[in-house]
Every structure is written in C-alpha cells, then in structure tokens.
Amino acid sequence: MMSEGGENIVFVLNNSRPDAVCFPFTFSMAALGSGVKVKIIVLGGAVEAFMKGNFENIKFGSAPKPSELLPQALEMGLEILVCKACIDALGVSPDKLIDGVKVIGPVTFIEETTTASAVISL
C-alpha cells in the first residue's frame, strides 16, 4: 500500500545485537519501497555497531547484511540519526561512524519520536 505522504516509521536501536541491527534495514527497504518515510535512531549500546569497521561485519542468519542494503536505503530516503550525547559518553568521534549518518541532539530525538506514525524500539 502506498503512503499518503504522512506515514513515517522510526526505529530506535539501543543495542548492537545482530538481529536488532539487521531487521530495521530489511523492514526499512519494504517501507521505503511503499513510500513510507523511515528513520533509524541509534542510541547507547547500538553506537558501536554503526562504527566504521564494525558495521560491515554485522550479519544475522540469512538476512541481508545492513552494509549491503545501506547504499540503496540511503538513496531511497532512509535517515540514520546517531545520538550526540551517546557518542560523547562513549568517546566516539563522528568521523568514526559510518558514512551517511547524521548526529543529533536530544531535542531532535524527542521531535522524531513524538511525531512518527510508529516507533519501534529494539
């Protein structure tokens, strides 16, 4: 079903388990293909998974690797938002994160999660 323009999904990731990182990418591709806007917000324990050198190695069973889906997903409009307070607390500089992500503060996090049609936490 095609989106009427207002539907958007936000996945909130707070851990780096392979299933928690892989499934949002798989579901995002389906949603984006249907015209639904999708954002993945990366917090706390998930930051490590979105670092260069780590992201490329994430795999869960027969699910497509997020690193293989990323270029097309970004081209289709996926936004990946990483918590600034989280990377600061972990001592991770933004240049250590994968390409294509945007670092956000708490106000943006609140805006994104309170205006989304659906918020899915993993």
PDB file of N, CA and C in Angstrom:
ATOM      1  N   MET A   1       0.849  -1.175   0.000  1.00  0.00           N
ATOM      2  CA  MET A   1       0.000   0.000   0.000  1.00  0.00           C
ATOM      3  C   MET A   1       0.894   1.238   0.000  1.00  0.00           C
ATOM      4  N   MET A   2       0.593   2.182  -0.845  1.00  0.00           N
ATOM      5  CA  MET A   2       1.377   3.400  -0.941  1.00  0.00           C
ATOM      6  C   MET A   2       1.006   4.373   0.165  1.00  0.00           C
ATOM      7  N   SER A   3       2.005   5.068   0.641  1.00  0.00           N
ATOM      8  CA  SER A   3       1.795   6.069   1.676  1.00  0.00           C
ATOM      9  C   SER A   3       1.051   7.264   1.094  1.00  0.00           C
ATOM     10  N   GLU A   4       0.220   7.857   1.909  1.00  0.00           N
ATOM     11  CA  GLU A   4      -0.485   9.075   1.501  1.00  0.00           C
ATOM     12  C   GLU A   4       0.369  10.308   1.791  1.00  0.00           C
ATOM     13  N   GLY A   5       1.615  10.105   2.206  1.00  0.00           N
ATOM     14  CA  GLY A   5       2.517  11.216   2.422  1.00  0.00           C
ATOM     15  C   GLY A   5       2.834  11.484   3.870  1.00  0.00           C
ATOM     16  N   GLY A   6       2.025  11.005   4.797  1.00  0.00           N
ATOM     17  CA  GLY A   6       2.254  11.317   6.183  1.00  0.00           C
ATOM     18  C   GLY A   6       2.837  10.197   7.017  1.00  0.00           C
ATOM     19  N   GLU A   7       2.850   8.982   6.503  1.00  0.00           N
ATOM     20  CA  GLU A   7       3.321   7.868   7.312  1.00  0.00           C
ATOM     21  C   GLU A   7       4.839   7.886   7.436  1.00  0.00           C
ATOM     22  N   ASN A   8       5.299   7.688   8.653  1.00  0.00           N
ATOM     23  CA  ASN A   8       6.736   7.559   8.872  1.00  0.00           C
ATOM     24  C   ASN A   8       6.979   6.643  10.065  1.00  0.00           C
ATOM     25  N   ILE A   9       8.040   5.882   9.953  1.00  0.00           N
ATOM     26  CA  ILE A   9       8.423   4.924  10.989  1.00  0.00           C
ATOM     27  C   ILE A   9       9.779   5.330  11.536  1.00  0.00           C
ATOM     28  N   VAL A  10       9.919   5.249  12.845  1.00  0.00           N
ATOM     29  CA  VAL A  10      11.207   5.467  13.493  1.00  0.00           C
ATOM     30  C   VAL A  10      11.576   4.185  14.236  1.00  0.00           C
ATOM     31  N   PHE A  11      12.730   3.628  13.886  1.00  0.00           N
ATOM     32  CA  PHE A  11      13.302   2.516  14.639  1.00  0.00           C
ATOM     33  C   PHE A  11      14.287   3.117  15.631  1.00  0.00           C
ATOM     34  N   VAL A  12      14.161   2.774  16.901  1.00  0.00           N
ATOM     35  CA  VAL A  12      15.098   3.233  17.923  1.00  0.00           C
ATOM     36  C   VAL A  12      15.937   2.031  18.338  1.00  0.00           C
ATOM     37  N   LEU A  13      17.235   2.088  18.047  1.00  0.00           N
ATOM     38  CA  LEU A  13      18.142   0.988  18.370  1.00  0.00           C
ATOM     39  C   LEU A  13      18.977   1.361  19.579  1.00  0.00           C
ATOM     40  N   ASN A  14      18.996   0.480  20.571  1.00  0.00           N
ATOM     41  CA  ASN A  14      19.759   0.734  21.783  1.00  0.00           C
ATOM     42  C   ASN A  14      20.691  -0.424  22.119  1.00  0.00           C
ATOM     43  N   ASN A  15      20.901  -1.323  21.164  1.00  0.00           N
ATOM     44  CA  ASN A  15      21.885  -2.390  21.379  1.00  0.00           C
ATOM     45  C   ASN A  15      22.440  -2.822  20.038  1.00  0.00           C
ATOM     46  N   SER A  16      23.559  -3.505  20.072  1.00  0.00           N
ATOM     47  CA  SER A  16      24.244  -3.871  18.832  1.00  0.00           C
ATOM     48  C   SER A  16      24.083  -5.344  18.474  1.00  0.00           C
ATOM     49  N   ARG A  17      23.065  -6.013  19.048  1.00  0.00           N
ATOM     50  CA  ARG A  17      22.813  -7.405  18.650  1.00  0.00           C
ATOM     51  C   ARG A  17      22.594  -7.448  17.141  1.00  0.00           C
ATOM     52  N   PRO A  18      23.135  -8.433  16.465  1.00  0.00           N
ATOM     53  CA  PRO A  18      22.968  -8.500  15.011  1.00  0.00           C
ATOM     54  C   PRO A  18      21.510  -8.472  14.550  1.00  0.00           C
ATOM     55  N   ASP A  19      20.615  -9.163  15.257  1.00  0.00           N
ATOM     56  CA  ASP A  19      19.209  -9.140  14.831  1.00  0.00           C
ATOM     57  C   ASP A  19      18.609  -7.750  14.975  1.00  0.00           C
ATOM     58  N   ALA A  20      18.967  -7.050  16.042  1.00  0.00           N
ATOM     59  CA  ALA A  20      18.430  -5.711  16.286  1.00  0.00           C
ATOM     60  C   ALA A  20      18.919  -4.707  15.246  1.00  0.00           C
ATOM     61  N   VAL A  21      20.095  -4.947  14.683  1.00  0.00           N
ATOM     62  CA  VAL A  21      20.628  -4.048  13.660  1.00  0.00           C
ATOM     63  C   VAL A  21      20.145  -4.454  12.265  1.00  0.00           C
ATOM     64  N   CYS A  22      20.054  -5.743  11.993  1.00  0.00           N
ATOM     65  CA  CYS A  22      19.674  -6.217  10.647  1.00  0.00           C
ATOM     66  C   CYS A  22      18.217  -5.969  10.300  1.00  0.00           C
ATOM     67  N   PHE A  23      17.311  -6.316  11.191  1.00  0.00           N
ATOM     68  CA  PHE A  23      15.894  -6.254  10.847  1.00  0.00           C
ATOM     69  C   PHE A  23      15.392  -4.855  10.488  1.00  0.00           C
ATOM     70  N   PRO A  24      15.822  -3.793  11.164  1.00  0.00           N
ATOM     71  CA  PRO A  24      15.351  -2.469  10.734  1.00  0.00           C
ATOM     72  C   PRO A  24      15.724  -2.140   9.285  1.00  0.00           C
ATOM     73  N   PHE A  25      16.865  -2.631   8.834  1.00  0.00           N
ATOM     74  CA  PHE A  25      17.247  -2.378   7.445  1.00  0.00           C
ATOM     75  C   PHE A  25      16.355  -3.155   6.483  1.00  0.00           C
ATOM     76  N   THR A  26      16.086  -4.414   6.805  1.00  0.00           N
ATOM     77  CA  THR A  26      15.205  -5.224   5.959  1.00  0.00           C
ATOM     78  C   THR A  26      13.811  -4.608   5.892  1.00  0.00           C
ATOM     79  N   PHE A  27      13.256  -4.254   7.051  1.00  0.00           N
ATOM     80  CA  PHE A  27      11.918  -3.663   7.085  1.00  0.00           C
ATOM     81  C   PHE A  27      11.906  -2.268   6.455  1.00  0.00           C
ATOM     82  N   SER A  28      12.996  -1.537   6.617  1.00  0.00           N
ATOM     83  CA  SER A  28      13.083  -0.200   6.025  1.00  0.00           C
ATOM     84  C   SER A  28      12.977  -0.259   4.511  1.00  0.00           C
ATOM     85  N   MET A  29      13.624  -1.248   3.907  1.00  0.00           N
ATOM     86  CA  MET A  29      13.572  -1.366   2.450  1.00  0.00           C
ATOM     87  C   MET A  29      12.128  -1.553   1.977  1.00  0.00           C
ATOM     88  N   ALA A  30      11.369  -2.389   2.682  1.00  0.00           N
ATOM     89  CA  ALA A  30       9.966  -2.614   2.314  1.00  0.00           C
ATOM     90  C   ALA A  30       9.150  -1.336   2.506  1.00  0.00           C
ATOM     91  N   ALA A  31       9.356  -0.665   3.630  1.00  0.00           N
ATOM     92  CA  ALA A  31       8.604   0.562   3.911  1.00  0.00           C
ATOM     93  C   ALA A  31       8.947   1.662   2.912  1.00  0.00           C
ATOM     94  N   LEU A  32      10.225   1.857   2.672  1.00  0.00           N
ATOM     95  CA  LEU A  32      10.643   2.894   1.728  1.00  0.00           C
ATOM     96  C   LEU A  32      10.098   2.609   0.333  1.00  0.00           C
ATOM     97  N   GLY A  33      10.089   1.346  -0.051  1.00  0.00           N
ATOM     98  CA  GLY A  33       9.545   0.956  -1.345  1.00  0.00           C
ATOM     99  C   GLY A  33       8.054   1.212  -1.464  1.00  0.00           C
ATOM    100  N   SER A  34       7.383   1.327  -0.319  1.00  0.00           N
ATOM    101  CA  SER A  34       5.944   1.615  -0.296  1.00  0.00           C
ATOM    102  C   SER A  34       5.650   3.095  -0.089  1.00  0.00           C
ATOM    103  N   GLY A  35       6.695   3.905  -0.057  1.00  0.00           N
ATOM    104  CA  GLY A  35       6.505   5.339   0.103  1.00  0.00           C
ATOM    105  C   GLY A  35       6.453   5.820   1.538  1.00  0.00           C
ATOM    106  N   VAL A  36       6.757   4.941   2.489  1.00  0.00           N
ATOM    107  CA  VAL A  36       6.767   5.321   3.902  1.00  0.00           C
ATOM    108  C   VAL A  36       8.160   5.851   4.247  1.00  0.00           C
ATOM    109  N   LYS A  37       8.223   6.965   4.934  1.00  0.00           N
ATOM    110  CA  LYS A  37       9.499   7.527   5.371  1.00  0.00           C
ATOM    111  C   LYS A  37      10.008   6.729   6.565  1.00  0.00           C
ATOM    112  N   VAL A  38      11.325   6.510   6.606  1.00  0.00           N
ATOM    113  CA  VAL A  38      11.913   5.707   7.682  1.00  0.00           C
ATOM    114  C   VAL A  38      13.165   6.390   8.211  1.00  0.00           C
ATOM    115  N   LYS A  39      13.264   6.384   9.545  1.00  0.00           N
ATOM    116  CA  LYS A  39      14.470   6.861  10.216  1.00  0.00           C
ATOM    117  C   LYS A  39      14.896   5.803  11.219  1.00  0.00           C
ATOM    118  N   ILE A  40      16.197   5.627  11.342  1.00  0.00           N
ATOM    119  CA  ILE A  40      16.761   4.759  12.372  1.00  0.00           C
ATOM    120  C   ILE A  40      17.524   5.671  13.318  1.00  0.00           C
ATOM    121  N   ILE A  41      17.138   5.647  14.597  1.00  0.00           N
ATOM    122  CA  ILE A  41      17.839   6.438  15.610  1.00  0.00           C
ATOM    123  C   ILE A  41      18.708   5.488  16.421  1.00  0.00           C
ATOM    124  N   VAL A  42      19.985   5.819  16.509  1.00  0.00           N
ATOM    125  CA  VAL A  42      20.979   4.971  17.159  1.00  0.00           C
ATOM    126  C   VAL A  42      21.354   5.580  18.509  1.00  0.00           C
ATOM    127  N   LEU A  43      21.138   4.809  19.565  1.00  0.00           N
ATOM    128  CA  LEU A  43      21.438   5.246  20.933  1.00  0.00           C
ATOM    129  C   LEU A  43      22.424   4.289  21.598  1.00  0.00           C
ATOM    130  N   GLY A  44      23.019   4.741  22.686  1.00  0.00           N
ATOM    131  CA  GLY A  44      23.812   3.928  23.607  1.00  0.00           C
ATOM    132  C   GLY A  44      24.552   2.750  23.020  1.00  0.00           C
ATOM    133  N   GLY A  45      24.098   1.554  23.407  1.00  0.00           N
ATOM    134  CA  GLY A  45      24.771   0.323  23.029  1.00  0.00           C
ATOM    135  C   GLY A  45      24.805   0.035  21.544  1.00  0.00           C
ATOM    136  N   ALA A  46      23.983   0.704  20.757  1.00  0.00           N
ATOM    137  CA  ALA A  46      23.969   0.464  19.311  1.00  0.00           C
ATOM    138  C   ALA A  46      25.037   1.263  18.571  1.00  0.00           C
ATOM    139  N   VAL A  47      25.604   2.275  19.220  1.00  0.00           N
ATOM    140  CA  VAL A  47      26.587   3.131  18.550  1.00  0.00           C
ATOM    141  C   VAL A  47      27.737   2.298  17.995  1.00  0.00           C
ATOM    142  N   GLU A  48      28.227   1.356  18.768  1.00  0.00           N
ATOM    143  CA  GLU A  48      29.364   0.531  18.341  1.00  0.00           C
ATOM    144  C   GLU A  48      29.089  -0.155  16.998  1.00  0.00           C
ATOM    145  N   ALA A  49      27.857  -0.594  16.790  1.00  0.00           N
ATOM    146  CA  ALA A  49      27.506  -1.287  15.547  1.00  0.00           C
ATOM    147  C   ALA A  49      27.588  -0.367  14.334  1.00  0.00           C
ATOM    148  N   PHE A  50      27.446   0.937  14.535  1.00  0.00           N
ATOM    149  CA  PHE A  50      27.430   1.880  13.422  1.00  0.00           C
ATOM    150  C   PHE A  50      28.776   2.574  13.226  1.00  0.00           C
ATOM    151  N   MET A  51      29.809   1.982  13.793  1.00  0.00           N
ATOM    152  CA  MET A  51      31.157   2.499  13.604  1.00  0.00           C
ATOM    153  C   MET A  51      31.803   1.809  12.407  1.00  0.00           C
ATOM    154  N   LYS A  52      32.628   2.583  11.684  1.00  0.00           N
ATOM    155  CA  LYS A  52      33.375   2.014  10.561  1.00  0.00           C
ATOM    156  C   LYS A  52      34.196   0.833  11.068  1.00  0.00           C
ATOM    157  N   GLY A  53      34.229  -0.229  10.301  1.00  0.00           N
ATOM    158  CA  GLY A  53      34.962  -1.425  10.687  1.00  0.00           C
ATOM    159  C   GLY A  53      34.108  -2.433  11.426  1.00  0.00           C
ATOM    160  N   ASN A  54      33.061  -1.975  12.074  1.00  0.00           N
ATOM    161  CA  ASN A  54      32.127  -2.877  12.758  1.00  0.00           C
ATOM    162  C   ASN A  54      30.894  -3.132  11.898  1.00  0.00           C
ATOM    163  N   PHE A  55      30.356  -2.071  11.327  1.00  0.00           N
ATOM    164  CA  PHE A  55      29.100  -2.150  10.583  1.00  0.00           C
ATOM    165  C   PHE A  55      29.184  -3.164   9.440  1.00  0.00           C
ATOM    166  N   GLU A  56      30.315  -3.176   8.771  1.00  0.00           N
ATOM    167  CA  GLU A  56      30.495  -4.048   7.615  1.00  0.00           C
ATOM    168  C   GLU A  56      30.424  -5.525   7.984  1.00  0.00           C
ATOM    169  N   ASN A  57      30.645  -5.849   9.247  1.00  0.00           N
ATOM    170  CA  ASN A  57      30.698  -7.246   9.693  1.00  0.00           C
ATOM    171  C   ASN A  57      29.403  -7.745  10.321  1.00  0.00           C
ATOM    172  N   ILE A  58      28.393  -6.911  10.395  1.00  0.00           N
ATOM    173  CA  ILE A  58      27.143  -7.324  11.044  1.00  0.00           C
ATOM    174  C   ILE A  58      26.359  -8.234  10.113  1.00  0.00           C
ATOM    175  N   LYS A  59      25.979  -9.386  10.654  1.00  0.00           N
ATOM    176  CA  LYS A  59      25.245 -10.396   9.886  1.00  0.00           C
ATOM    177  C   LYS A  59      24.366 -11.163  10.848  1.00  0.00           C
ATOM    178  N   PHE A  60      23.142 -11.493  10.412  1.00  0.00           N
ATOM    179  CA  PHE A  60      22.241 -12.310  11.222  1.00  0.00           C
ATOM    180  C   PHE A  60      21.583 -13.343  10.323  1.00  0.00           C
ATOM    181  N   GLY A  61      21.987 -14.582  10.485  1.00  0.00           N
ATOM    182  CA  GLY A  61      21.410 -15.669   9.706  1.00  0.00           C
ATOM    183  C   GLY A  61      21.449 -15.387   8.217  1.00  0.00           C
ATOM    184  N   SER A  62      20.331 -15.631   7.558  1.00  0.00           N
ATOM    185  CA  SER A  62      20.262 -15.431   6.109  1.00  0.00           C
ATOM    186  C   SER A  62      19.765 -14.032   5.736  1.00  0.00           C
ATOM    187  N   ALA A  63      19.550 -13.179   6.731  1.00  0.00           N
ATOM    188  CA  ALA A  63      19.107 -11.805   6.449  1.00  0.00           C
ATOM    189  C   ALA A  63      20.207 -11.063   5.694  1.00  0.00           C
ATOM    190  N   PRO A  64      19.824 -10.174   4.789  1.00  0.00           N
ATOM    191  CA  PRO A  64      20.841  -9.378   4.092  1.00  0.00           C
ATOM    192  C   PRO A  64      21.649  -8.552   5.094  1.00  0.00           C
ATOM    193  N   LYS A  65      22.930  -8.381   4.802  1.00  0.00           N
ATOM    194  CA  LYS A  65      23.771  -7.562   5.673  1.00  0.00           C
ATOM    195  C   LYS A  65      23.343  -6.096   5.555  1.00  0.00           C
ATOM    196  N   PRO A  66      23.240  -5.399   6.674  1.00  0.00           N
ATOM    197  CA  PRO A  66      22.897  -3.970   6.609  1.00  0.00           C
ATOM    198  C   PRO A  66      23.844  -3.180   5.708  1.00  0.00           C
ATOM    199  N   SER A  67      25.126  -3.544   5.717  1.00  0.00           N
ATOM    200  CA  SER A  67      26.087  -2.819   4.883  1.00  0.00           C
ATOM    201  C   SER A  67      25.791  -2.985   3.398  1.00  0.00           C
ATOM    202  N   GLU A  68      25.160  -4.102   3.017  1.00  0.00           N
ATOM    203  CA  GLU A  68      24.788  -4.316   1.616  1.00  0.00           C
ATOM    204  C   GLU A  68      23.536  -3.521   1.246  1.00  0.00           C
ATOM    205  N   LEU A  69      22.649  -3.318   2.212  1.00  0.00           N
ATOM    206  CA  LEU A  69      21.406  -2.585   1.962  1.00  0.00           C
ATOM    207  C   LEU A  69      21.574  -1.072   2.086  1.00  0.00           C
ATOM    208  N   LEU A  70      22.586  -0.643   2.828  1.00  0.00           N
ATOM    209  CA  LEU A  70      22.744   0.776   3.160  1.00  0.00           C
ATOM    210  C   LEU A  70      22.748   1.719   1.955  1.00  0.00           C
ATOM    211  N   PRO A  71      23.563   1.484   0.921  1.00  0.00           N
ATOM    212  CA  PRO A  71      23.582   2.464  -0.177  1.00  0.00           C
ATOM    213  C   PRO A  71      22.211   2.687  -0.817  1.00  0.00           C
ATOM    214  N   GLN A  72      21.507   1.605  -1.105  1.00  0.00           N
ATOM    215  CA  GLN A  72      20.189   1.737  -1.721  1.00  0.00           C
ATOM    216  C   GLN A  72      19.193   2.365  -0.751  1.00  0.00           C
ATOM    217  N   ALA A  73      19.272   1.978   0.521  1.00  0.00           N
ATOM    218  CA  ALA A  73      18.354   2.531   1.524  1.00  0.00           C
ATOM    219  C   ALA A  73      18.537   4.044   1.654  1.00  0.00           C
ATOM    220  N   LEU A  74      19.781   4.496   1.690  1.00  0.00           N
ATOM    221  CA  LEU A  74      20.041   5.937   1.768  1.00  0.00           C
ATOM    222  C   LEU A  74      19.522   6.645   0.520  1.00  0.00           C
ATOM    223  N   GLU A  75      19.728   6.024  -0.628  1.00  0.00           N
ATOM    224  CA  GLU A  75      19.246   6.599  -1.883  1.00  0.00           C
ATOM    225  C   GLU A  75      17.720   6.702  -1.896  1.00  0.00           C
ATOM    226  N   MET A  76      17.054   5.748  -1.246  1.00  0.00           N
ATOM    227  CA  MET A  76      15.589   5.738  -1.188  1.00  0.00           C
ATOM    228  C   MET A  76      15.041   6.685  -0.123  1.00  0.00           C
ATOM    229  N   GLY A  77      15.937   7.257   0.707  1.00  0.00           N
ATOM    230  CA  GLY A  77      15.499   8.239   1.692  1.00  0.00           C
ATOM    231  C   GLY A  77      15.663   7.858   3.146  1.00  0.00           C
ATOM    232  N   LEU A  78      16.235   6.687   3.431  1.00  0.00           N
ATOM    233  CA  LEU A  78      16.471   6.313   4.825  1.00  0.00           C
ATOM    234  C   LEU A  78      17.377   7.341   5.486  1.00  0.00           C
ATOM    235  N   GLU A  79      17.028   7.713   6.715  1.00  0.00           N
ATOM    236  CA  GLU A  79      17.888   8.584   7.514  1.00  0.00           C
ATOM    237  C   GLU A  79      18.349   7.807   8.734  1.00  0.00           C
ATOM    238  N   ILE A  80      19.642   7.882   9.013  1.00  0.00           N
ATOM    239  CA  ILE A  80      20.201   7.255  10.209  1.00  0.00           C
ATOM    240  C   ILE A  80      20.698   8.381  11.099  1.00  0.00           C
ATOM    241  N   LEU A  81      20.118   8.474  12.289  1.00  0.00           N
ATOM    242  CA  LEU A  81      20.403   9.554  13.230  1.00  0.00           C
ATOM    243  C   LEU A  81      21.078   8.968  14.461  1.00  0.00           C
ATOM    244  N   VAL A  82      22.241   9.492  14.810  1.00  0.00           N
ATOM    245  CA  VAL A  82      23.014   8.972  15.936  1.00  0.00           C
ATOM    246  C   VAL A  82      23.041  10.012  17.053  1.00  0.00           C
ATOM    247  N   CYS A  83      22.785   9.551  18.259  1.00  0.00           N
ATOM    248  CA  CYS A  83      22.723  10.401  19.448  1.00  0.00           C
ATOM    249  C   CYS A  83      24.089  11.002  19.788  1.00  0.00           C
ATOM    250  N   LYS A  84      24.169  12.332  19.793  1.00  0.00           N
ATOM    251  CA  LYS A  84      25.423  13.015  20.127  1.00  0.00           C
ATOM    252  C   LYS A  84      25.856  12.746  21.561  1.00  0.00           C
ATOM    253  N   ALA A  85      24.918  12.793  22.501  1.00  0.00           N
ATOM    254  CA  ALA A  85      25.273  12.530  23.900  1.00  0.00           C
ATOM    255  C   ALA A  85      25.847  11.126  24.058  1.00  0.00           C
ATOM    256  N   CYS A  86      25.332  10.192  23.276  1.00  0.00           N
ATOM    257  CA  CYS A  86      25.808   8.806  23.354  1.00  0.00           C
ATOM    258  C   CYS A  86      27.228   8.674  22.821  1.00  0.00           C
ATOM    259  N   ILE A  87      27.504   9.285  21.660  1.00  0.00           N
ATOM    260  CA  ILE A  87      28.867   9.162  21.133  1.00  0.00           C
ATOM    261  C   ILE A  87      29.854   9.916  22.017  1.00  0.00           C
ATOM    262  N   ASP A  88      29.411  11.033  22.589  1.00  0.00           N
ATOM    263  CA  ASP A  88      30.278  11.764  23.512  1.00  0.00           C
ATOM    264  C   ASP A  88      30.589  10.916  24.740  1.00  0.00           C
ATOM    265  N   ALA A  89      29.571  10.279  25.313  1.00  0.00           N
ATOM    266  CA  ALA A  89      29.762   9.452  26.509  1.00  0.00           C
ATOM    267  C   ALA A  89      30.682   8.270  26.228  1.00  0.00           C
ATOM    268  N   LEU A  90      30.627   7.751  25.008  1.00  0.00           N
ATOM    269  CA  LEU A  90      31.452   6.601  24.635  1.00  0.00           C
ATOM    270  C   LEU A  90      32.820   7.010  24.096  1.00  0.00           C
ATOM    271  N   GLY A  91      33.040   8.308  23.936  1.00  0.00           N
ATOM    272  CA  GLY A  91      34.314   8.788  23.413  1.00  0.00           C
ATOM    273  C   GLY A  91      34.504   8.492  21.931  1.00  0.00           C
ATOM    274  N   VAL A  92      33.411   8.451  21.185  1.00  0.00           N
ATOM    275  CA  VAL A  92      33.458   8.156  19.750  1.00  0.00           C
ATOM    276  C   VAL A  92      33.319   9.464  18.977  1.00  0.00           C
ATOM    277  N   SER A  93      34.282   9.747  18.120  1.00  0.00           N
ATOM    278  CA  SER A  93      34.164  10.959  17.305  1.00  0.00           C
ATOM    279  C   SER A  93      33.284  10.662  16.092  1.00  0.00           C
ATOM    280  N   PRO A  94      32.560  11.666  15.608  1.00  0.00           N
ATOM    281  CA  PRO A  94      31.647  11.451  14.479  1.00  0.00           C
ATOM    282  C   PRO A  94      32.320  10.846  13.245  1.00  0.00           C
ATOM    283  N   ASP A  95      33.605  11.140  13.035  1.00  0.00           N
ATOM    284  CA  ASP A  95      34.285  10.595  11.854  1.00  0.00           C
ATOM    285  C   ASP A  95      34.524   9.091  11.947  1.00  0.00           C
ATOM    286  N   LYS A  96      34.311   8.505  13.105  1.00  0.00           N
ATOM    287  CA  LYS A  96      34.440   7.048  13.280  1.00  0.00           C
ATOM    288  C   LYS A  96      33.151   6.316  12.903  1.00  0.00           C
ATOM    289  N   LEU A  97      32.067   7.082  12.703  1.00  0.00           N
ATOM    290  CA  LEU A  97      30.779   6.491  12.335  1.00  0.00           C
ATOM    291  C   LEU A  97      30.732   6.232  10.835  1.00  0.00           C
ATOM    292  N   ILE A  98      29.860   5.311  10.429  1.00  0.00           N
ATOM    293  CA  ILE A  98      29.723   5.018   9.004  1.00  0.00           C
ATOM    294  C   ILE A  98      29.260   6.258   8.253  1.00  0.00           C
ATOM    295  N   ASP A  99      29.573   6.298   6.982  1.00  0.00           N
ATOM    296  CA  ASP A  99      29.152   7.411   6.141  1.00  0.00           C
ATOM    297  C   ASP A  99      27.635   7.408   5.989  1.00  0.00           C
ATOM    298  N   GLY A 100      27.063   8.589   5.917  1.00  0.00           N
ATOM    299  CA  GLY A 100      25.633   8.720   5.679  1.00  0.00           C
ATOM    300  C   GLY A 100      24.799   8.947   6.919  1.00  0.00           C
ATOM    301  N   VAL A 101      25.433   8.939   8.104  1.00  0.00           N
ATOM    302  CA  VAL A 101      24.663   9.172   9.328  1.00  0.00           C
ATOM    303  C   VAL A 101      24.696  10.651   9.688  1.00  0.00           C
ATOM    304  N   LYS A 102      23.730  11.042  10.491  1.00  0.00           N
ATOM    305  CA  LYS A 102      23.651  12.417  10.989  1.00  0.00           C
ATOM    306  C   LYS A 102      23.643  12.339  12.511  1.00  0.00           C
ATOM    307  N   VAL A 103      24.434  13.169  13.160  1.00  0.00           N
ATOM    308  CA  VAL A 103      24.484  13.212  14.623  1.00  0.00           C
ATOM    309  C   VAL A 103      23.428  14.208  15.095  1.00  0.00           C
ATOM    310  N   ILE A 104      22.625  13.776  16.078  1.00  0.00           N
ATOM    311  CA  ILE A 104      21.517  14.609  16.567  1.00  0.00           C
ATOM    312  C   ILE A 104      21.577  14.782  18.083  1.00  0.00           C
ATOM    313  N   GLY A 105      20.925  15.823  18.550  1.00  0.00           N
ATOM    314  CA  GLY A 105      20.800  16.073  19.977  1.00  0.00           C
ATOM    315  C   GLY A 105      19.459  15.597  20.508  1.00  0.00           C
ATOM    316  N   PRO A 106      19.229  15.793  21.803  1.00  0.00           N
ATOM    317  CA  PRO A 106      18.007  15.290  22.427  1.00  0.00           C
ATOM    318  C   PRO A 106      16.725  15.936  21.908  1.00  0.00           C
ATOM    319  N   VAL A 107      16.774  17.185  21.515  1.00  0.00           N
ATOM    320  CA  VAL A 107      15.564  17.848  21.016  1.00  0.00           C
ATOM    321  C   VAL A 107      15.094  17.170  19.725  1.00  0.00           C
ATOM    322  N   THR A 108      16.025  16.870  18.843  1.00  0.00           N
ATOM    323  CA  THR A 108      15.670  16.183  17.595  1.00  0.00           C
ATOM    324  C   THR A 108      15.135  14.791  17.881  1.00  0.00           C
ATOM    325  N   PHE A 109      15.745  14.095  18.841  1.00  0.00           N
ATOM    326  CA  PHE A 109      15.251  12.762  19.215  1.00  0.00           C
ATOM    327  C   PHE A 109      13.789  12.846  19.653  1.00  0.00           C
ATOM    328  N   ILE A 110      13.483  13.794  20.518  1.00  0.00           N
ATOM    329  CA  ILE A 110      12.110  13.954  21.009  1.00  0.00           C
ATOM    330  C   ILE A 110      11.171  14.306  19.859  1.00  0.00           C
ATOM    331  N   GLU A 111      11.576  15.224  19.006  1.00  0.00           N
ATOM    332  CA  GLU A 111      10.733  15.604  17.865  1.00  0.00           C
ATOM    333  C   GLU A 111      10.448  14.411  16.960  1.00  0.00           C
ATOM    334  N   GLU A 112      11.474  13.637  16.654  1.00  0.00           N
ATOM    335  CA  GLU A 112      11.308  12.497  15.741  1.00  0.00           C
ATOM    336  C   GLU A 112      10.401  11.424  16.336  1.00  0.00           C
ATOM    337  N   THR A 113      10.580  11.136  17.606  1.00  0.00           N
ATOM    338  CA  THR A 113       9.800  10.049  18.209  1.00  0.00           C
ATOM    339  C   THR A 113       8.372  10.458  18.559  1.00  0.00           C
ATOM    340  N   THR A 114       8.138  11.740  18.774  1.00  0.00           N
ATOM    341  CA  THR A 114       6.773  12.158  19.114  1.00  0.00           C
ATOM    342  C   THR A 114       5.932  12.493  17.889  1.00  0.00           C
ATOM    343  N   THR A 115       6.559  12.613  16.730  1.00  0.00           N
ATOM    344  CA  THR A 115       5.798  12.921  15.516  1.00  0.00           C
ATOM    345  C   THR A 115       5.702  11.739  14.555  1.00  0.00           C
ATOM    346  N   ALA A 116       6.348  10.637  14.871  1.00  0.00           N
ATOM    347  CA  ALA A 116       6.324   9.459  13.988  1.00  0.00           C
ATOM    348  C   ALA A 116       4.969   8.764  14.038  1.00  0.00           C
ATOM    349  N   SER A 117       4.598   8.144  12.930  1.00  0.00           N
ATOM    350  CA  SER A 117       3.383   7.321  12.892  1.00  0.00           C
ATOM    351  C   SER A 117       3.562   6.072  13.740  1.00  0.00           C
ATOM    352  N   ALA A 118       4.795   5.559  13.772  1.00  0.00           N
ATOM    353  CA  ALA A 118       5.108   4.367  14.570  1.00  0.00           C
ATOM    354  C   ALA A 118       6.544   4.458  15.045  1.00  0.00           C
ATOM    355  N   VAL A 119       6.775   4.072  16.296  1.00  0.00           N
ATOM    356  CA  VAL A 119       8.117   3.998  16.862  1.00  0.00           C
ATOM    357  C   VAL A 119       8.332   2.564  17.307  1.00  0.00           C
ATOM    358  N   ILE A 120       9.395   1.954  16.798  1.00  0.00           N
ATOM    359  CA  ILE A 120       9.712   0.567  17.121  1.00  0.00           C
ATOM    360  C   ILE A 120      11.061   0.553  17.812  1.00  0.00           C
ATOM    361  N   SER A 121      11.100   0.075  19.047  1.00  0.00           N
ATOM    362  CA  SER A 121      12.341   0.042  19.824  1.00  0.00           C
ATOM    363  C   SER A 121      12.939  -1.355  19.799  1.00  0.00           C
ATOM    364  N   LEU A 122      14.231  -1.411  19.533  1.00  0.00           N
ATOM    365  CA  LEU A 122      14.960  -2.680  19.515  1.00  0.00           C
ATOM    366  C   LEU A 122      16.223  -2.564  20.349  1.00  0.00           C
TER     367      LEU A 122
END
